[in-house]
Amino acid sequence: MLGIKVEIEKEKSVRDQMALVNNLVDLILKLRQKMRKRKEWKIANEIRDKLKKLDFLIKDAPMGTKWRLKRKP
């Protein structure tokens, strides 16, 4: 998404890798929120839909957007 390719160093711990994922998703969702405020619905929806395809669940709420990874069976 957005042309970003992430290569994780093998020495990075799972905790460090998850922190990176959290920060990237938070950044993407902040950009999506800006698009929503500008009423750029097509872009905002595209971001949401692409995250969904990557197994991220996005929930918009009055207090902000929340996300989590979809649990795999």
PDB file of N, CA and C in Angstrom:
ATOM      1  N   MET A   1       0.845  -1.177   0.000  1.00  0.00           N
ATOM      2  CA  MET A   1       0.000   0.000   0.000  1.00  0.00           C
ATOM      3  C   MET A   1       0.887   1.235   0.000  1.00  0.00           C
ATOM      4  N   LEU A   2       0.486   2.223  -0.735  1.00  0.00           N
ATOM      5  CA  LEU A   2       1.187   3.500  -0.830  1.00  0.00           C
ATOM      6  C   LEU A   2       2.599   3.344  -1.363  1.00  0.00           C
ATOM      7  N   GLY A   3       2.914   2.191  -1.967  1.00  0.00           N
ATOM      8  CA  GLY A   3       4.231   1.979  -2.527  1.00  0.00           C
ATOM      9  C   GLY A   3       5.324   1.801  -1.493  1.00  0.00           C
ATOM     10  N   ILE A   4       4.961   1.456  -0.275  1.00  0.00           N
ATOM     11  CA  ILE A   4       5.945   1.281   0.793  1.00  0.00           C
ATOM     12  C   ILE A   4       6.256  -0.200   0.940  1.00  0.00           C
ATOM     13  N   LYS A   5       7.519  -0.527   0.876  1.00  0.00           N
ATOM     14  CA  LYS A   5       7.945  -1.902   1.121  1.00  0.00           C
ATOM     15  C   LYS A   5       8.765  -1.902   2.400  1.00  0.00           C
ATOM     16  N   VAL A   6       8.410  -2.778   3.305  1.00  0.00           N
ATOM     17  CA  VAL A   6       9.093  -2.836   4.592  1.00  0.00           C
ATOM     18  C   VAL A   6       9.898  -4.120   4.659  1.00  0.00           C
ATOM     19  N   GLU A   7      11.171  -3.979   4.939  1.00  0.00           N
ATOM     20  CA  GLU A   7      12.012  -5.137   5.168  1.00  0.00           C
ATOM     21  C   GLU A   7      12.409  -5.114   6.637  1.00  0.00           C
ATOM     22  N   ILE A   8      12.038  -6.162   7.344  1.00  0.00           N
ATOM     23  CA  ILE A   8      12.336  -6.242   8.768  1.00  0.00           C
ATOM     24  C   ILE A   8      13.702  -6.910   8.948  1.00  0.00           C
ATOM     25  N   GLU A   9      14.534  -6.287   9.740  1.00  0.00           N
ATOM     26  CA  GLU A   9      15.826  -6.878  10.045  1.00  0.00           C
ATOM     27  C   GLU A   9      15.609  -8.125  10.886  1.00  0.00           C
ATOM     28  N   LYS A  10      16.380  -9.153  10.592  1.00  0.00           N
ATOM     29  CA  LYS A  10      16.219 -10.418  11.297  1.00  0.00           C
ATOM     30  C   LYS A  10      16.513 -10.282  12.790  1.00  0.00           C
ATOM     31  N   GLU A  11      17.319  -9.306  13.151  1.00  0.00           N
ATOM     32  CA  GLU A  11      17.672  -9.124  14.557  1.00  0.00           C
ATOM     33  C   GLU A  11      16.563  -8.454  15.365  1.00  0.00           C
ATOM     34  N   LYS A  12      15.594  -7.858  14.680  1.00  0.00           N
ATOM     35  CA  LYS A  12      14.517  -7.152  15.381  1.00  0.00           C
ATOM     36  C   LYS A  12      13.634  -8.151  16.110  1.00  0.00           C
ATOM     37  N   SER A  13      13.265  -7.817  17.306  1.00  0.00           N
ATOM     38  CA  SER A  13      12.375  -8.679  18.080  1.00  0.00           C
ATOM     39  C   SER A  13      10.951  -8.535  17.560  1.00  0.00           C
ATOM     40  N   VAL A  14      10.117  -9.490  17.910  1.00  0.00           N
ATOM     41  CA  VAL A  14       8.704  -9.427  17.535  1.00  0.00           C
ATOM     42  C   VAL A  14       8.099  -8.151  18.104  1.00  0.00           C
ATOM     43  N   ARG A  15       8.489  -7.787  19.298  1.00  0.00           N
ATOM     44  CA  ARG A  15       7.982  -6.563  19.934  1.00  0.00           C
ATOM     45  C   ARG A  15       8.339  -5.333  19.107  1.00  0.00           C
ATOM     46  N   ASP A  16       9.582  -5.271  18.633  1.00  0.00           N
ATOM     47  CA  ASP A  16      10.017  -4.147  17.803  1.00  0.00           C
ATOM     48  C   ASP A  16       9.269  -4.129  16.476  1.00  0.00           C
ATOM     49  N   GLN A  17       9.050  -5.313  15.908  1.00  0.00           N
ATOM     50  CA  GLN A  17       8.331  -5.402  14.646  1.00  0.00           C
ATOM     51  C   GLN A  17       6.888  -4.938  14.817  1.00  0.00           C
ATOM     52  N   MET A  18       6.243  -5.333  15.901  1.00  0.00           N
ATOM     53  CA  MET A  18       4.860  -4.921  16.151  1.00  0.00           C
ATOM     54  C   MET A  18       4.774  -3.421  16.405  1.00  0.00           C
ATOM     55  N   ALA A  19       5.776  -2.859  17.061  1.00  0.00           N
ATOM     56  CA  ALA A  19       5.796  -1.414  17.293  1.00  0.00           C
ATOM     57  C   ALA A  19       5.870  -0.682  15.952  1.00  0.00           C
ATOM     58  N   LEU A  20       6.665  -1.208  15.032  1.00  0.00           N
ATOM     59  CA  LEU A  20       6.762  -0.616  13.708  1.00  0.00           C
ATOM     60  C   LEU A  20       5.422  -0.692  12.984  1.00  0.00           C
ATOM     61  N   VAL A  21       4.771  -1.848  13.025  1.00  0.00           N
ATOM     62  CA  VAL A  21       3.456  -2.019  12.397  1.00  0.00           C
ATOM     63  C   VAL A  21       2.461  -1.037  13.010  1.00  0.00           C
ATOM     64  N   ASN A  22       2.433  -0.948  14.332  1.00  0.00           N
ATOM     65  CA  ASN A  22       1.515  -0.026  15.019  1.00  0.00           C
ATOM     66  C   ASN A  22       1.728   1.407  14.556  1.00  0.00           C
ATOM     67  N   ASN A  23       2.978   1.823  14.486  1.00  0.00           N
ATOM     68  CA  ASN A  23       3.279   3.197  14.077  1.00  0.00           C
ATOM     69  C   ASN A  23       2.884   3.455  12.630  1.00  0.00           C
ATOM     70  N   LEU A  24       3.130   2.488  11.751  1.00  0.00           N
ATOM     71  CA  LEU A  24       2.764   2.662  10.345  1.00  0.00           C
ATOM     72  C   LEU A  24       1.250   2.728  10.163  1.00  0.00           C
ATOM     73  N   VAL A  25       0.519   1.844  10.839  1.00  0.00           N
ATOM     74  CA  VAL A  25      -0.938   1.849  10.713  1.00  0.00           C
ATOM     75  C   VAL A  25      -1.507   3.140  11.294  1.00  0.00           C
ATOM     76  N   ASP A  26      -0.984   3.574  12.423  1.00  0.00           N
ATOM     77  CA  ASP A  26      -1.446   4.841  13.002  1.00  0.00           C
ATOM     78  C   ASP A  26      -1.219   6.002  12.035  1.00  0.00           C
ATOM     79  N   LEU A  27      -0.072   6.027  11.377  1.00  0.00           N
ATOM     80  CA  LEU A  27       0.222   7.077  10.401  1.00  0.00           C
ATOM     81  C   LEU A  27      -0.753   7.021   9.235  1.00  0.00           C
ATOM     82  N   ILE A  28      -0.992   5.830   8.703  1.00  0.00           N
ATOM     83  CA  ILE A  28      -1.924   5.656   7.592  1.00  0.00           C
ATOM     84  C   ILE A  28      -3.319   6.117   7.994  1.00  0.00           C
ATOM     85  N   LEU A  29      -3.744   5.769   9.213  1.00  0.00           N
ATOM     86  CA  LEU A  29      -5.082   6.161   9.658  1.00  0.00           C
ATOM     87  C   LEU A  29      -5.190   7.666   9.909  1.00  0.00           C
ATOM     88  N   LYS A  30      -4.104   8.303  10.307  1.00  0.00           N
ATOM     89  CA  LYS A  30      -4.117   9.764  10.442  1.00  0.00           C
ATOM     90  C   LYS A  30      -4.299  10.420   9.073  1.00  0.00           C
ATOM     91  N   LEU A  31      -3.620   9.879   8.073  1.00  0.00           N
ATOM     92  CA  LEU A  31      -3.795  10.401   6.714  1.00  0.00           C
ATOM     93  C   LEU A  31      -5.228  10.168   6.238  1.00  0.00           C
ATOM     94  N   ARG A  32      -5.773   9.000   6.552  1.00  0.00           N
ATOM     95  CA  ARG A  32      -7.156   8.706   6.183  1.00  0.00           C
ATOM     96  C   ARG A  32      -8.118   9.685   6.859  1.00  0.00           C
ATOM     97  N   GLN A  33      -7.856   9.999   8.118  1.00  0.00           N
ATOM     98  CA  GLN A  33      -8.708  10.939   8.839  1.00  0.00           C
ATOM     99  C   GLN A  33      -8.667  12.319   8.188  1.00  0.00           C
ATOM    100  N   LYS A  34      -7.494  12.735   7.727  1.00  0.00           N
ATOM    101  CA  LYS A  34      -7.388  14.010   7.019  1.00  0.00           C
ATOM    102  C   LYS A  34      -8.232  13.993   5.750  1.00  0.00           C
ATOM    103  N   MET A  35      -8.205  12.867   5.051  1.00  0.00           N
ATOM    104  CA  MET A  35      -9.016  12.740   3.832  1.00  0.00           C
ATOM    105  C   MET A  35     -10.506  12.814   4.164  1.00  0.00           C
ATOM    106  N   ARG A  36     -10.910  12.219   5.252  1.00  0.00           N
ATOM    107  CA  ARG A  36     -12.316  12.262   5.669  1.00  0.00           C
ATOM    108  C   ARG A  36     -12.725  13.693   6.013  1.00  0.00           C
ATOM    109  N   LYS A  37     -11.867  14.425   6.703  1.00  0.00           N
ATOM    110  CA  LYS A  37     -12.188  15.813   7.051  1.00  0.00           C
ATOM    111  C   LYS A  37     -12.324  16.678   5.800  1.00  0.00           C
ATOM    112  N   ARG A  38     -11.548  16.355   4.773  1.00  0.00           N
ATOM    113  CA  ARG A  38     -11.626  17.091   3.504  1.00  0.00           C
ATOM    114  C   ARG A  38     -12.747  16.572   2.601  1.00  0.00           C
ATOM    115  N   LYS A  39     -13.466  15.574   3.104  1.00  0.00           N
ATOM    116  CA  LYS A  39     -14.553  14.931   2.349  1.00  0.00           C
ATOM    117  C   LYS A  39     -14.040  14.245   1.079  1.00  0.00           C
ATOM    118  N   GLU A  40     -12.821  13.730   1.187  1.00  0.00           N
ATOM    119  CA  GLU A  40     -12.216  12.939   0.112  1.00  0.00           C
ATOM    120  C   GLU A  40     -12.577  11.474   0.364  1.00  0.00           C
ATOM    121  N   TRP A  41     -13.862  11.184   0.216  1.00  0.00           N
ATOM    122  CA  TRP A  41     -14.399   9.870   0.594  1.00  0.00           C
ATOM    123  C   TRP A  41     -13.776   8.734  -0.201  1.00  0.00           C
ATOM    124  N   LYS A  42     -13.540   8.958  -1.476  1.00  0.00           N
ATOM    125  CA  LYS A  42     -12.993   7.895  -2.322  1.00  0.00           C
ATOM    126  C   LYS A  42     -11.629   7.433  -1.797  1.00  0.00           C
ATOM    127  N   ILE A  43     -10.776   8.386  -1.470  1.00  0.00           N
ATOM    128  CA  ILE A  43      -9.447   8.055  -0.954  1.00  0.00           C
ATOM    129  C   ILE A  43      -9.552   7.415   0.424  1.00  0.00           C
ATOM    130  N   ALA A  44     -10.372   7.991   1.296  1.00  0.00           N
ATOM    131  CA  ALA A  44     -10.532   7.438   2.646  1.00  0.00           C
ATOM    132  C   ALA A  44     -11.054   6.009   2.597  1.00  0.00           C
ATOM    133  N   ASN A  45     -12.022   5.764   1.738  1.00  0.00           N
ATOM    134  CA  ASN A  45     -12.581   4.419   1.610  1.00  0.00           C
ATOM    135  C   ASN A  45     -11.574   3.448   1.006  1.00  0.00           C
ATOM    136  N   GLU A  46     -10.776   3.928   0.071  1.00  0.00           N
ATOM    137  CA  GLU A  46      -9.752   3.072  -0.535  1.00  0.00           C
ATOM    138  C   GLU A  46      -8.720   2.636   0.506  1.00  0.00           C
ATOM    139  N   ILE A  47      -8.308   3.564   1.350  1.00  0.00           N
ATOM    140  CA  ILE A  47      -7.364   3.228   2.423  1.00  0.00           C
ATOM    141  C   ILE A  47      -7.976   2.176   3.336  1.00  0.00           C
ATOM    142  N   ARG A  48      -9.210   2.393   3.761  1.00  0.00           N
ATOM    143  CA  ARG A  48      -9.892   1.428   4.629  1.00  0.00           C
ATOM    144  C   ARG A  48      -9.991   0.057   3.965  1.00  0.00           C
ATOM    145  N   ASP A  49     -10.393   0.040   2.707  1.00  0.00           N
ATOM    146  CA  ASP A  49     -10.579  -1.227   2.001  1.00  0.00           C
ATOM    147  C   ASP A  49      -9.264  -1.976   1.806  1.00  0.00           C
ATOM    148  N   LYS A  50      -8.199  -1.241   1.519  1.00  0.00           N
ATOM    149  CA  LYS A  50      -6.902  -1.897   1.338  1.00  0.00           C
ATOM    150  C   LYS A  50      -6.367  -2.443   2.657  1.00  0.00           C
ATOM    151  N   LEU A  51      -6.592  -1.707   3.745  1.00  0.00           N
ATOM    152  CA  LEU A  51      -6.198  -2.233   5.056  1.00  0.00           C
ATOM    153  C   LEU A  51      -7.001  -3.485   5.392  1.00  0.00           C
ATOM    154  N   LYS A  52      -8.273  -3.487   5.035  1.00  0.00           N
ATOM    155  CA  LYS A  52      -9.122  -4.651   5.289  1.00  0.00           C
ATOM    156  C   LYS A  52      -8.590  -5.875   4.543  1.00  0.00           C
ATOM    157  N   LYS A  53      -8.148  -5.681   3.307  1.00  0.00           N
ATOM    158  CA  LYS A  53      -7.578  -6.793   2.536  1.00  0.00           C
ATOM    159  C   LYS A  53      -6.310  -7.340   3.181  1.00  0.00           C
ATOM    160  N   LEU A  54      -5.647  -6.504   3.974  1.00  0.00           N
ATOM    161  CA  LEU A  54      -4.443  -6.927   4.684  1.00  0.00           C
ATOM    162  C   LEU A  54      -4.759  -7.446   6.082  1.00  0.00           C
ATOM    163  N   ASP A  55      -6.055  -7.713   6.346  1.00  0.00           N
ATOM    164  CA  ASP A  55      -6.548  -8.275   7.606  1.00  0.00           C
ATOM    165  C   ASP A  55      -6.517  -7.302   8.784  1.00  0.00           C
ATOM    166  N   PHE A  56      -6.646  -5.999   8.487  1.00  0.00           N
ATOM    167  CA  PHE A  56      -6.812  -5.010   9.536  1.00  0.00           C
ATOM    168  C   PHE A  56      -8.297  -4.670   9.610  1.00  0.00           C
ATOM    169  N   LEU A  57      -8.840  -4.679  10.807  1.00  0.00           N
ATOM    170  CA  LEU A  57     -10.227  -4.271  11.011  1.00  0.00           C
ATOM    171  C   LEU A  57     -10.215  -2.824  11.470  1.00  0.00           C
ATOM    172  N   ILE A  58     -10.948  -1.977  10.764  1.00  0.00           N
ATOM    173  CA  ILE A  58     -10.989  -0.542  11.036  1.00  0.00           C
ATOM    174  C   ILE A  58     -12.382  -0.187  11.519  1.00  0.00           C
ATOM    175  N   LYS A  59     -12.454   0.531  12.639  1.00  0.00           N
ATOM    176  CA  LYS A  59     -13.744   0.958  13.163  1.00  0.00           C
ATOM    177  C   LYS A  59     -13.692   2.454  13.440  1.00  0.00           C
ATOM    178  N   ASP A  60     -14.554   3.193  12.734  1.00  0.00           N
ATOM    179  CA  ASP A  60     -14.662   4.628  12.960  1.00  0.00           C
ATOM    180  C   ASP A  60     -15.659   4.867  14.082  1.00  0.00           C
ATOM    181  N   ALA A  61     -15.279   5.695  15.036  1.00  0.00           N
ATOM    182  CA  ALA A  61     -16.125   6.008  16.182  1.00  0.00           C
ATOM    183  C   ALA A  61     -16.022   7.509  16.470  1.00  0.00           C
ATOM    184  N   PRO A  62     -16.959   8.043  17.232  1.00  0.00           N
ATOM    185  CA  PRO A  62     -16.914   9.481  17.552  1.00  0.00           C
ATOM    186  C   PRO A  62     -15.602   9.918  18.221  1.00  0.00           C
ATOM    187  N   MET A  63     -14.991   9.009  18.973  1.00  0.00           N
ATOM    188  CA  MET A  63     -13.750   9.350  19.675  1.00  0.00           C
ATOM    189  C   MET A  63     -12.504   9.059  18.836  1.00  0.00           C
ATOM    190  N   GLY A  64     -12.687   8.683  17.581  1.00  0.00           N
ATOM    191  CA  GLY A  64     -11.553   8.408  16.707  1.00  0.00           C
ATOM    192  C   GLY A  64     -11.637   7.025  16.085  1.00  0.00           C
ATOM    193  N   THR A  65     -10.706   6.756  15.218  1.00  0.00           N
ATOM    194  CA  THR A  65     -10.663   5.475  14.530  1.00  0.00           C
ATOM    195  C   THR A  65      -9.829   4.492  15.327  1.00  0.00           C
ATOM    196  N   LYS A  66     -10.356   3.293  15.468  1.00  0.00           N
ATOM    197  CA  LYS A  66      -9.655   2.211  16.161  1.00  0.00           C
ATOM    198  C   LYS A  66      -9.345   1.130  15.144  1.00  0.00           C
ATOM    199  N   TRP A  67      -8.313   0.366  15.397  1.00  0.00           N
ATOM    200  CA  TRP A  67      -7.974  -0.736  14.506  1.00  0.00           C
ATOM    201  C   TRP A  67      -7.444  -1.903  15.305  1.00  0.00           C
ATOM    202  N   ARG A  68      -7.529  -3.059  14.669  1.00  0.00           N
ATOM    203  CA  ARG A  68      -6.910  -4.265  15.219  1.00  0.00           C
ATOM    204  C   ARG A  68      -6.698  -5.234  14.080  1.00  0.00           C
ATOM    205  N   LEU A  69      -5.842  -6.190  14.309  1.00  0.00           N
ATOM    206  CA  LEU A  69      -5.624  -7.236  13.319  1.00  0.00           C
ATOM    207  C   LEU A  69      -6.726  -8.271  13.424  1.00  0.00           C
ATOM    208  N   LYS A  70      -7.165  -8.740  12.275  1.00  0.00           N
ATOM    209  CA  LYS A  70      -8.174  -9.777  12.240  1.00  0.00           C
ATOM    210  C   LYS A  70      -7.571 -11.070  12.773  1.00  0.00           C
ATOM    211  N   ARG A  71      -8.319 -11.746  13.612  1.00  0.00           N
ATOM    212  CA  ARG A  71      -7.843 -13.022  14.135  1.00  0.00           C
ATOM    213  C   ARG A  71      -8.043 -14.109  13.098  1.00  0.00           C
ATOM    214  N   LYS A  72      -7.003 -14.865  12.893  1.00  0.00           N
ATOM    215  CA  LYS A  72      -7.082 -15.960  11.921  1.00  0.00           C
ATOM    216  C   LYS A  72      -7.467 -17.238  12.662  1.00  0.00           C
ATOM    217  N   PRO A  73      -8.343 -18.041  12.033  1.00  0.00           N
ATOM    218  CA  PRO A  73      -8.761 -19.297  12.693  1.00  0.00           C
ATOM    219  C   PRO A  73      -7.636 -20.289  12.824  1.00  0.00           C
TER     220      PRO A  73
END
